[in-house]
All heavy atoms as atom14 arrays in JSON, in Angstrom:
{
  "sequence": "KEKKTKARLNAWVREGVKIEEDAVATISTLGFMGEKYMEISPGTPG",
  "atom14_mask": [
    [1, 1, 1, 1, 1, 1, 1, 1, 1, 0, 0, 0, 0, 0],
    [1, 1, 1, 1, 1, 1, 1, 1, 1, 0, 0, 0, 0, 0],
    [1, 1, 1, 1, 1, 1, 1, 1, 1, 0, 0, 0, 0, 0],
    [1, 1, 1, 1, 1, 1, 1, 1, 1, 0, 0, 0, 0, 0],
    [1, 1, 1, 1, 1, 1, 1, 0, 0, 0, 0, 0, 0, 0],
    [1, 1, 1, 1, 1, 1, 1, 1, 1, 0, 0, 0, 0, 0],
    [1, 1, 1, 1, 1, 0, 0, 0, 0, 0, 0, 0, 0, 0],
    [1, 1, 1, 1, 1, 1, 1, 1, 1, 1, 1, 0, 0, 0],
    [1, 1, 1, 1, 1, 1, 1, 1, 0, 0, 0, 0, 0, 0],
    [1, 1, 1, 1, 1, 1, 1, 1, 0, 0, 0, 0, 0, 0],
    [1, 1, 1, 1, 1, 0, 0, 0, 0, 0, 0, 0, 0, 0],
    [1, 1, 1, 1, 1, 1, 1, 1, 1, 1, 1, 1, 1, 1],
    [1, 1, 1, 1, 1, 1, 1, 0, 0, 0, 0, 0, 0, 0],
    [1, 1, 1, 1, 1, 1, 1, 1, 1, 1, 1, 0, 0, 0],
    [1, 1, 1, 1, 1, 1, 1, 1, 1, 0, 0, 0, 0, 0],
    [1, 1, 1, 1, 0, 0, 0, 0, 0, 0, 0, 0, 0, 0],
    [1, 1, 1, 1, 1, 1, 1, 0, 0, 0, 0, 0, 0, 0],
    [1, 1, 1, 1, 1, 1, 1, 1, 1, 0, 0, 0, 0, 0],
    [1, 1, 1, 1, 1, 1, 1, 1, 0, 0, 0, 0, 0, 0],
    [1, 1, 1, 1, 1, 1, 1, 1, 1, 0, 0, 0, 0, 0],
    [1, 1, 1, 1, 1, 1, 1, 1, 1, 0, 0, 0, 0, 0],
    [1, 1, 1, 1, 1, 1, 1, 1, 0, 0, 0, 0, 0, 0],
    [1, 1, 1, 1, 1, 0, 0, 0, 0, 0, 0, 0, 0, 0],
    [1, 1, 1, 1, 1, 1, 1, 0, 0, 0, 0, 0, 0, 0],
    [1, 1, 1, 1, 1, 0, 0, 0, 0, 0, 0, 0, 0, 0],
    [1, 1, 1, 1, 1, 1, 1, 0, 0, 0, 0, 0, 0, 0],
    [1, 1, 1, 1, 1, 1, 1, 1, 0, 0, 0, 0, 0, 0],
    [1, 1, 1, 1, 1, 1, 0, 0, 0, 0, 0, 0, 0, 0],
    [1, 1, 1, 1, 1, 1, 1, 0, 0, 0, 0, 0, 0, 0],
    [1, 1, 1, 1, 1, 1, 1, 1, 0, 0, 0, 0, 0, 0],
    [1, 1, 1, 1, 0, 0, 0, 0, 0, 0, 0, 0, 0, 0],
    [1, 1, 1, 1, 1, 1, 1, 1, 1, 1, 1, 0, 0, 0],
    [1, 1, 1, 1, 1, 1, 1, 1, 0, 0, 0, 0, 0, 0],
    [1, 1, 1, 1, 0, 0, 0, 0, 0, 0, 0, 0, 0, 0],
    [1, 1, 1, 1, 1, 1, 1, 1, 1, 0, 0, 0, 0, 0],
    [1, 1, 1, 1, 1, 1, 1, 1, 1, 0, 0, 0, 0, 0],
    [1, 1, 1, 1, 1, 1, 1, 1, 1, 1, 1, 1, 0, 0],
    [1, 1, 1, 1, 1, 1, 1, 1, 0, 0, 0, 0, 0, 0],
    [1, 1, 1, 1, 1, 1, 1, 1, 1, 0, 0, 0, 0, 0],
    [1, 1, 1, 1, 1, 1, 1, 1, 0, 0, 0, 0, 0, 0],
    [1, 1, 1, 1, 1, 1, 0, 0, 0, 0, 0, 0, 0, 0],
    [1, 1, 1, 1, 1, 1, 1, 0, 0, 0, 0, 0, 0, 0],
    [1, 1, 1, 1, 0, 0, 0, 0, 0, 0, 0, 0, 0, 0],
    [1, 1, 1, 1, 1, 1, 1, 0, 0, 0, 0, 0, 0, 0],
    [1, 1, 1, 1, 1, 1, 1, 0, 0, 0, 0, 0, 0, 0],
    [1, 1, 1, 1, 0, 0, 0, 0, 0, 0, 0, 0, 0, 0]
  ],
  "atom14_positions": [
    [[-36.3, -20.54, -9.1], [-37.06, -20.43, -10.35], [-38.26, -19.53, -10.19], [-38.53, -18.68, -11.04], [-37.5, -21.83, -10.81], [-38.2, -21.84, -12.16], [-38.55, -23.27, -12.57], [-39.26, -23.27, -13.92], [-39.62, -24.66, -14.35], [0.0, 0.0, 0.0], [0.0, 0.0, 0.0], [0.0, 0.0, 0.0], [0.0, 0.0, 0.0], [0.0, 0.0, 0.0]],
    [[-39.03, -19.71, -9.09], [-40.23, -18.92, -8.87], [-39.97, -17.69, -8.0], [-40.88, -16.89, -7.77], [-41.33, -19.78, -8.24], [-41.77, -20.94, -9.13], [-42.98, -21.67, -8.57], [-43.69, -21.08, -7.72], [-43.21, -22.82, -8.97], [0.0, 0.0, 0.0], [0.0, 0.0, 0.0], [0.0, 0.0, 0.0], [0.0, 0.0, 0.0], [0.0, 0.0, 0.0]],
    [[-38.75, -17.56, -7.51], [-38.35, -16.4, -6.72], [-39.22, -16.19, -5.47], [-39.68, -15.1, -5.17], [-38.38, -15.12, -7.57], [-37.51, -15.16, -8.81], [-36.03, -15.34, -8.46], [-35.15, -15.37, -9.71], [-33.73, -15.63, -9.38], [0.0, 0.0, 0.0], [0.0, 0.0, 0.0], [0.0, 0.0, 0.0], [0.0, 0.0, 0.0], [0.0, 0.0, 0.0]],
    [[-39.45, -17.27, -4.73], [-40.21, -17.15, -3.49], [-39.9, -18.31, -2.56], [-39.39, -19.36, -2.99], [-41.71, -17.09, -3.76], [-42.29, -18.32, -4.44], [-43.78, -18.14, -4.67], [-44.4, -19.32, -5.38], [-45.86, -19.12, -5.61], [0.0, 0.0, 0.0], [0.0, 0.0, 0.0], [0.0, 0.0, 0.0], [0.0, 0.0, 0.0], [0.0, 0.0, 0.0]],
    [[-40.19, -18.12, -1.27], [-39.94, -19.14, -0.27], [-41.07, -20.17, -0.25], [-42.24, -19.81, -0.32], [-39.81, -18.51, 1.12], [-38.72, -17.58, 1.12], [-39.57, -19.56, 2.19], [0.0, 0.0, 0.0], [0.0, 0.0, 0.0], [0.0, 0.0, 0.0], [0.0, 0.0, 0.0], [0.0, 0.0, 0.0], [0.0, 0.0, 0.0], [0.0, 0.0, 0.0]],
    [[-40.69, -21.44, -0.15], [-41.68, -22.52, -0.12], [-41.41, -23.44, 1.07], [-40.34, -23.4, 1.69], [-41.64, -23.33, -1.41], [-42.15, -22.6, -2.64], [-42.21, -23.53, -3.84], [-42.81, -22.85, -5.05], [-42.91, -23.78, -6.21], [0.0, 0.0, 0.0], [0.0, 0.0, 0.0], [0.0, 0.0, 0.0], [0.0, 0.0, 0.0], [0.0, 0.0, 0.0]],
    [[-42.4, -24.27, 1.37], [-42.26, -25.27, 2.42], [-42.23, -26.64, 1.77], [-43.06, -26.94, 0.91], [-43.42, -25.18, 3.41], [0.0, 0.0, 0.0], [0.0, 0.0, 0.0], [0.0, 0.0, 0.0], [0.0, 0.0, 0.0], [0.0, 0.0, 0.0], [0.0, 0.0, 0.0], [0.0, 0.0, 0.0], [0.0, 0.0, 0.0], [0.0, 0.0, 0.0]],
    [[-41.27, -27.46, 2.17], [-41.17, -28.82, 1.63], [-41.4, -29.84, 2.73], [-40.68, -29.85, 3.74], [-39.82, -29.04, 0.96], [-39.57, -30.48, 0.49], [-38.39, -30.57, -0.46], [-38.69, -29.9, -1.73], [-37.83, -29.84, -2.74], [-36.62, -30.38, -2.62], [-38.16, -29.23, -3.86], [0.0, 0.0, 0.0], [0.0, 0.0, 0.0], [0.0, 0.0, 0.0]],
    [[-42.38, -30.69, 2.54], [-42.67, -31.76, 3.49], [-42.02, -33.04, 3.0], [-42.1, -33.38, 1.81], [-44.18, -31.98, 3.62], [-45.04, -30.8, 4.08], [-46.48, -31.24, 4.24], [-44.52, -30.24, 5.38], [0.0, 0.0, 0.0], [0.0, 0.0, 0.0], [0.0, 0.0, 0.0], [0.0, 0.0, 0.0], [0.0, 0.0, 0.0], [0.0, 0.0, 0.0]],
    [[-41.38, -33.76, 3.91], [-40.82, -35.07, 3.59], [-41.75, -36.11, 4.22], [-41.88, -36.16, 5.45], [-39.4, -35.21, 4.13], [-38.79, -36.55, 3.78], [-38.73, -37.45, 4.59], [-38.34, -36.67, 2.53], [0.0, 0.0, 0.0], [0.0, 0.0, 0.0], [0.0, 0.0, 0.0], [0.0, 0.0, 0.0], [0.0, 0.0, 0.0], [0.0, 0.0, 0.0]],
    [[-42.4, -36.9, 3.39], [-43.39, -37.85, 3.88], [-42.95, -39.29, 3.67], [-42.45, -39.65, 2.59], [-44.73, -37.61, 3.19], [0.0, 0.0, 0.0], [0.0, 0.0, 0.0], [0.0, 0.0, 0.0], [0.0, 0.0, 0.0], [0.0, 0.0, 0.0], [0.0, 0.0, 0.0], [0.0, 0.0, 0.0], [0.0, 0.0, 0.0], [0.0, 0.0, 0.0]],
    [[-43.11, -40.11, 4.71], [-42.87, -41.54, 4.59], [-44.18, -42.24, 4.27], [-45.2, -42.0, 4.92], [-42.29, -42.1, 5.89], [-42.12, -43.6, 5.86], [-41.07, -44.29, 5.34], [-43.05, -44.58, 6.34], [-41.27, -45.65, 5.47], [-42.48, -45.86, 6.08], [-44.29, -44.51, 6.96], [-43.13, -47.05, 6.43], [-44.94, -45.69, 7.31], [-44.35, -46.94, 7.04]],
    [[-44.14, -43.09, 3.24], [-45.32, -43.85, 2.82], [-44.97, -45.32, 2.87], [-43.9, -45.73, 2.39], [-45.75, -43.45, 1.39], [-46.97, -44.25, 0.96], [-46.03, -41.96, 1.31], [0.0, 0.0, 0.0], [0.0, 0.0, 0.0], [0.0, 0.0, 0.0], [0.0, 0.0, 0.0], [0.0, 0.0, 0.0], [0.0, 0.0, 0.0], [0.0, 0.0, 0.0]],
    [[-45.85, -46.11, 3.45], [-45.54, -47.53, 3.62], [-45.44, -48.26, 2.28], [-46.02, -47.86, 1.27], [-46.57, -48.21, 4.53], [-47.94, -48.38, 3.93], [-48.78, -49.31, 4.81], [-50.1, -49.49, 4.26], [-51.21, -49.06, 4.83], [-51.15, -48.43, 5.97], [-52.39, -49.27, 4.25], [0.0, 0.0, 0.0], [0.0, 0.0, 0.0], [0.0, 0.0, 0.0]],
    [[-44.71, -49.35, 2.32], [-44.46, -50.15, 1.13], [-45.76, -50.67, 0.53], [-46.68, -51.07, 1.24], [-43.55, -51.33, 1.5], [-43.06, -52.13, 0.32], [-42.12, -53.25, 0.75], [-42.39, -53.88, 1.8], [-41.13, -53.48, 0.07], [0.0, 0.0, 0.0], [0.0, 0.0, 0.0], [0.0, 0.0, 0.0], [0.0, 0.0, 0.0], [0.0, 0.0, 0.0]],
    [[-45.84, -50.66, -0.8], [-47.02, -51.19, -1.48], [-48.05, -50.15, -1.86], [-48.96, -50.42, -2.64], [0.0, 0.0, 0.0], [0.0, 0.0, 0.0], [0.0, 0.0, 0.0], [0.0, 0.0, 0.0], [0.0, 0.0, 0.0], [0.0, 0.0, 0.0], [0.0, 0.0, 0.0], [0.0, 0.0, 0.0], [0.0, 0.0, 0.0], [0.0, 0.0, 0.0]],
    [[-47.93, -48.94, -1.3], [-48.89, -47.86, -1.62], [-48.42, -47.17, -2.9], [-47.3, -46.67, -2.97], [-48.99, -46.84, -0.47], [-49.92, -45.7, -0.86], [-49.49, -47.51, 0.79], [0.0, 0.0, 0.0], [0.0, 0.0, 0.0], [0.0, 0.0, 0.0], [0.0, 0.0, 0.0], [0.0, 0.0, 0.0], [0.0, 0.0, 0.0], [0.0, 0.0, 0.0]],
    [[-49.28, -47.15, -3.9], [-48.95, -46.55, -5.19], [-49.56, -45.16, -5.31], [-50.76, -44.98, -5.11], [-49.47, -47.43, -6.33], [-48.99, -48.88, -6.29], [-47.49, -48.99, -6.47], [-47.06, -50.45, -6.54], [-45.58, -50.58, -6.68], [0.0, 0.0, 0.0], [0.0, 0.0, 0.0], [0.0, 0.0, 0.0], [0.0, 0.0, 0.0], [0.0, 0.0, 0.0]],
    [[-48.73, -44.18, -5.62], [-49.19, -42.8, -5.78], [-48.78, -42.3, -7.16], [-47.59, -42.3, -7.49], [-48.59, -41.89, -4.69], [-48.98, -42.39, -3.3], [-49.05, -40.44, -4.88], [-48.31, -41.64, -2.16], [0.0, 0.0, 0.0], [0.0, 0.0, 0.0], [0.0, 0.0, 0.0], [0.0, 0.0, 0.0], [0.0, 0.0, 0.0], [0.0, 0.0, 0.0]],
    [[-49.76, -41.9, -7.96], [-49.47, -41.41, -9.3], [-48.73, -40.08, -9.26], [-48.9, -39.3, -8.32], [-50.76, -41.27, -10.12], [-51.49, -42.57, -10.42], [-52.39, -43.03, -9.29], [-52.45, -42.31, -8.26], [-53.01, -44.1, -9.41], [0.0, 0.0, 0.0], [0.0, 0.0, 0.0], [0.0, 0.0, 0.0], [0.0, 0.0, 0.0], [0.0, 0.0, 0.0]],
    [[-47.94, -39.82, -10.29], [-47.14, -38.6, -10.33], [-47.98, -37.33, -10.41], [-47.5, -36.24, -10.07], [-46.17, -38.64, -11.52], [-46.85, -38.71, -12.87], [-45.84, -38.78, -14.01], [-44.64, -38.49, -13.75], [-46.22, -39.1, -15.14], [0.0, 0.0, 0.0], [0.0, 0.0, 0.0], [0.0, 0.0, 0.0], [0.0, 0.0, 0.0], [0.0, 0.0, 0.0]],
    [[-49.25, -37.43, -10.85], [-50.13, -36.26, -10.91], [-51.17, -36.28, -9.79], [-52.21, -35.61, -9.89], [-50.81, -36.15, -12.27], [-51.75, -37.32, -12.56], [-51.65, -38.36, -11.87], [-52.59, -37.21, -13.47], [0.0, 0.0, 0.0], [0.0, 0.0, 0.0], [0.0, 0.0, 0.0], [0.0, 0.0, 0.0], [0.0, 0.0, 0.0], [0.0, 0.0, 0.0]],
    [[-50.9, -37.06, -8.74], [-51.81, -37.07, -7.58], [-51.85, -35.67, -6.96], [-50.95, -34.86, -7.14], [-51.33, -38.09, -6.55], [0.0, 0.0, 0.0], [0.0, 0.0, 0.0], [0.0, 0.0, 0.0], [0.0, 0.0, 0.0], [0.0, 0.0, 0.0], [0.0, 0.0, 0.0], [0.0, 0.0, 0.0], [0.0, 0.0, 0.0], [0.0, 0.0, 0.0]],
    [[-52.94, -35.4, -6.22], [-53.12, -34.08, -5.61], [-52.97, -34.19, -4.1], [-53.7, -34.93, -3.44], [-54.52, -33.5, -5.95], [-54.7, -32.14, -5.29], [-54.69, -33.39, -7.47], [0.0, 0.0, 0.0], [0.0, 0.0, 0.0], [0.0, 0.0, 0.0], [0.0, 0.0, 0.0], [0.0, 0.0, 0.0], [0.0, 0.0, 0.0], [0.0, 0.0, 0.0]],
    [[-52.0, -33.45, -3.55], [-51.75, -33.45, -2.11], [-52.28, -32.15, -1.5], [-52.02, -31.06, -2.02], [-50.26, -33.59, -1.82], [0.0, 0.0, 0.0], [0.0, 0.0, 0.0], [0.0, 0.0, 0.0], [0.0, 0.0, 0.0], [0.0, 0.0, 0.0], [0.0, 0.0, 0.0], [0.0, 0.0, 0.0], [0.0, 0.0, 0.0], [0.0, 0.0, 0.0]],
    [[-53.04, -32.25, -0.43], [-53.58, -31.08, 0.25], [-53.38, -31.24, 1.76], [-53.16, -32.34, 2.25], [-55.09, -30.92, -0.03], [-55.78, -32.11, 0.36], [-55.35, -30.65, -1.51], [0.0, 0.0, 0.0], [0.0, 0.0, 0.0], [0.0, 0.0, 0.0], [0.0, 0.0, 0.0], [0.0, 0.0, 0.0], [0.0, 0.0, 0.0], [0.0, 0.0, 0.0]],
    [[-53.48, -30.13, 2.47], [-53.46, -30.14, 3.93], [-54.89, -30.05, 4.42], [-55.62, -29.12, 4.08], [-52.64, -28.96, 4.5], [-51.2, -29.0, 3.96], [-52.64, -29.0, 6.03], [-50.42, -30.24, 4.33], [0.0, 0.0, 0.0], [0.0, 0.0, 0.0], [0.0, 0.0, 0.0], [0.0, 0.0, 0.0], [0.0, 0.0, 0.0], [0.0, 0.0, 0.0]],
    [[-55.32, -31.04, 5.21], [-56.69, -31.07, 5.7], [-56.7, -31.1, 7.23], [-55.65, -31.23, 7.87], [-57.43, -32.3, 5.16], [-57.47, -32.28, 3.74], [0.0, 0.0, 0.0], [0.0, 0.0, 0.0], [0.0, 0.0, 0.0], [0.0, 0.0, 0.0], [0.0, 0.0, 0.0], [0.0, 0.0, 0.0], [0.0, 0.0, 0.0], [0.0, 0.0, 0.0]],
    [[-57.89, -30.98, 7.78], [-58.05, -30.97, 9.24], [-59.14, -31.95, 9.64], [-60.19, -32.02, 9.0], [-58.43, -29.56, 9.73], [-57.46, -28.61, 9.28], [-58.5, -29.52, 11.25], [0.0, 0.0, 0.0], [0.0, 0.0, 0.0], [0.0, 0.0, 0.0], [0.0, 0.0, 0.0], [0.0, 0.0, 0.0], [0.0, 0.0, 0.0], [0.0, 0.0, 0.0]],
    [[-58.88, -32.73, 10.69], [-59.88, -33.63, 11.23], [-60.9, -32.81, 12.01], [-60.58, -32.28, 13.07], [-59.23, -34.68, 12.15], [-58.32, -35.69, 11.45], [-57.6, -36.54, 12.5], [-59.11, -36.57, 10.52], [0.0, 0.0, 0.0], [0.0, 0.0, 0.0], [0.0, 0.0, 0.0], [0.0, 0.0, 0.0], [0.0, 0.0, 0.0], [0.0, 0.0, 0.0]],
    [[-62.12, -32.68, 11.47], [-63.1, -31.82, 12.1], [-62.8, -30.36, 11.8], [-62.03, -30.04, 10.89], [0.0, 0.0, 0.0], [0.0, 0.0, 0.0], [0.0, 0.0, 0.0], [0.0, 0.0, 0.0], [0.0, 0.0, 0.0], [0.0, 0.0, 0.0], [0.0, 0.0, 0.0], [0.0, 0.0, 0.0], [0.0, 0.0, 0.0], [0.0, 0.0, 0.0]],
    [[-63.42, -29.46, 12.56], [-63.24, -28.03, 12.3], [-61.93, -27.5, 12.85], [-61.24, -26.72, 12.22], [-64.42, -27.26, 12.91], [-64.39, -25.79, 12.59], [-64.59, -25.34, 11.29], [-64.14, -24.85, 13.58], [-64.54, -23.99, 10.98], [-64.1, -23.5, 13.28], [-64.31, -23.08, 11.98], [0.0, 0.0, 0.0], [0.0, 0.0, 0.0], [0.0, 0.0, 0.0]],
    [[-61.55, -27.96, 14.04], [-60.31, -27.48, 14.68], [-59.45, -28.65, 15.15], [-58.73, -28.55, 16.13], [-60.66, -26.58, 15.87], [-61.4, -25.31, 15.5], [-60.4, -24.18, 14.52], [-59.27, -23.57, 15.78], [0.0, 0.0, 0.0], [0.0, 0.0, 0.0], [0.0, 0.0, 0.0], [0.0, 0.0, 0.0], [0.0, 0.0, 0.0], [0.0, 0.0, 0.0]],
    [[-59.52, -29.8, 14.44], [-58.8, -30.98, 14.86], [-57.37, -31.04, 14.35], [-56.79, -30.04, 13.92], [0.0, 0.0, 0.0], [0.0, 0.0, 0.0], [0.0, 0.0, 0.0], [0.0, 0.0, 0.0], [0.0, 0.0, 0.0], [0.0, 0.0, 0.0], [0.0, 0.0, 0.0], [0.0, 0.0, 0.0], [0.0, 0.0, 0.0], [0.0, 0.0, 0.0]],
    [[-56.82, -32.26, 14.37], [-55.44, -32.48, 13.95], [-55.29, -32.27, 12.45], [-56.13, -32.67, 11.66], [-55.03, -33.91, 14.31], [-53.61, -34.26, 13.91], [-53.28, -35.72, 14.16], [-54.22, -36.52, 14.32], [-52.07, -36.05, 14.2], [0.0, 0.0, 0.0], [0.0, 0.0, 0.0], [0.0, 0.0, 0.0], [0.0, 0.0, 0.0], [0.0, 0.0, 0.0]],
    [[-54.19, -31.65, 12.07], [-53.92, -31.43, 10.65], [-53.15, -32.63, 10.08], [-52.34, -33.24, 10.76], [-53.12, -30.14, 10.46], [-53.88, -28.9, 10.87], [-53.08, -27.63, 10.55], [-53.81, -26.4, 11.08], [-55.13, -26.23, 10.46], [0.0, 0.0, 0.0], [0.0, 0.0, 0.0], [0.0, 0.0, 0.0], [0.0, 0.0, 0.0], [0.0, 0.0, 0.0]],
    [[-53.43, -32.95, 8.83], [-52.76, -34.07, 8.18], [-52.67, -33.8, 6.68], [-53.3, -32.86, 6.17], [-53.51, -35.38, 8.43], [-54.9, -35.42, 7.8], [-55.09, -36.02, 6.55], [-56.01, -34.87, 8.43], [-56.35, -36.07, 5.97], [-57.27, -34.91, 7.87], [-57.44, -35.52, 6.63], [-58.68, -35.56, 6.05], [0.0, 0.0, 0.0], [0.0, 0.0, 0.0]],
    [[-51.88, -34.6, 5.99], [-51.76, -34.44, 4.54], [-52.6, -35.51, 3.85], [-52.44, -36.7, 4.09], [-50.3, -34.55, 4.08], [-50.15, -34.25, 2.59], [-48.42, -34.04, 2.06], [-47.82, -35.71, 2.21], [0.0, 0.0, 0.0], [0.0, 0.0, 0.0], [0.0, 0.0, 0.0], [0.0, 0.0, 0.0], [0.0, 0.0, 0.0], [0.0, 0.0, 0.0]],
    [[-53.5, -35.06, 3.0], [-54.37, -35.95, 2.23], [-53.9, -35.99, 0.79], [-53.64, -34.95, 0.17], [-55.82, -35.46, 2.3], [-56.79, -36.26, 1.45], [-57.07, -37.64, 2.02], [-57.12, -37.77, 3.26], [-57.24, -38.58, 1.22], [0.0, 0.0, 0.0], [0.0, 0.0, 0.0], [0.0, 0.0, 0.0], [0.0, 0.0, 0.0], [0.0, 0.0, 0.0]],
    [[-53.76, -37.19, 0.24], [-53.35, -37.36, -1.16], [-54.48, -38.03, -1.93], [-54.92, -39.13, -1.58], [-52.07, -38.2, -1.28], [-50.92, -37.52, -0.52], [-51.69, -38.4, -2.74], [-49.63, -38.32, -0.52], [0.0, 0.0, 0.0], [0.0, 0.0, 0.0], [0.0, 0.0, 0.0], [0.0, 0.0, 0.0], [0.0, 0.0, 0.0], [0.0, 0.0, 0.0]],
    [[-54.98, -37.34, -2.94], [-56.03, -37.9, -3.8], [-55.37, -38.55, -5.0], [-54.47, -37.96, -5.62], [-57.0, -36.8, -4.26], [-57.62, -36.17, -3.15], [0.0, 0.0, 0.0], [0.0, 0.0, 0.0], [0.0, 0.0, 0.0], [0.0, 0.0, 0.0], [0.0, 0.0, 0.0], [0.0, 0.0, 0.0], [0.0, 0.0, 0.0], [0.0, 0.0, 0.0]],
    [[-55.79, -39.77, -5.37], [-55.16, -40.48, -6.48], [-55.19, -39.67, -7.78], [-56.1, -38.87, -8.02], [-56.02, -41.75, -6.61], [-56.6, -41.94, -5.25], [-56.85, -40.55, -4.73], [0.0, 0.0, 0.0], [0.0, 0.0, 0.0], [0.0, 0.0, 0.0], [0.0, 0.0, 0.0], [0.0, 0.0, 0.0], [0.0, 0.0, 0.0], [0.0, 0.0, 0.0]],
    [[-54.17, -39.9, -8.61], [-54.06, -39.21, -9.89], [-54.7, -39.99, -11.02], [-55.6, -40.81, -10.8], [0.0, 0.0, 0.0], [0.0, 0.0, 0.0], [0.0, 0.0, 0.0], [0.0, 0.0, 0.0], [0.0, 0.0, 0.0], [0.0, 0.0, 0.0], [0.0, 0.0, 0.0], [0.0, 0.0, 0.0], [0.0, 0.0, 0.0], [0.0, 0.0, 0.0]],
    [[-54.22, -39.77, -12.22], [-54.78, -40.39, -13.41], [-54.31, -41.84, -13.54], [-53.11, -42.11, -13.45], [-54.35, -39.62, -14.67], [-54.71, -38.24, -14.51], [-55.03, -40.18, -15.91], [0.0, 0.0, 0.0], [0.0, 0.0, 0.0], [0.0, 0.0, 0.0], [0.0, 0.0, 0.0], [0.0, 0.0, 0.0], [0.0, 0.0, 0.0], [0.0, 0.0, 0.0]],
    [[-55.25, -42.78, -13.75], [-54.85, -44.18, -13.94], [-53.88, -44.31, -15.12], [-54.08, -43.71, -16.17], [-56.17, -44.89, -14.24], [-57.21, -44.03, -13.59], [-56.72, -42.62, -13.76], [0.0, 0.0, 0.0], [0.0, 0.0, 0.0], [0.0, 0.0, 0.0], [0.0, 0.0, 0.0], [0.0, 0.0, 0.0], [0.0, 0.0, 0.0], [0.0, 0.0, 0.0]],
    [[-52.85, -45.11, -14.93], [-51.88, -45.32, -16.0], [-50.66, -44.42, -15.9], [-49.66, -44.65, -16.6], [0.0, 0.0, 0.0], [0.0, 0.0, 0.0], [0.0, 0.0, 0.0], [0.0, 0.0, 0.0], [0.0, 0.0, 0.0], [0.0, 0.0, 0.0], [0.0, 0.0, 0.0], [0.0, 0.0, 0.0], [0.0, 0.0, 0.0], [0.0, 0.0, 0.0]]
  ]
}
């Protein structure tokens, strides 16, 4: 559709954790040069 290559991450989330469909996922780093991880910020209530 967008005519470009993308990266798809498959993430396991433990049971009971609720993530809204409009939540924002970003790649962050622990410290300046630390371990990279995926951070998800909650979306709109409801």
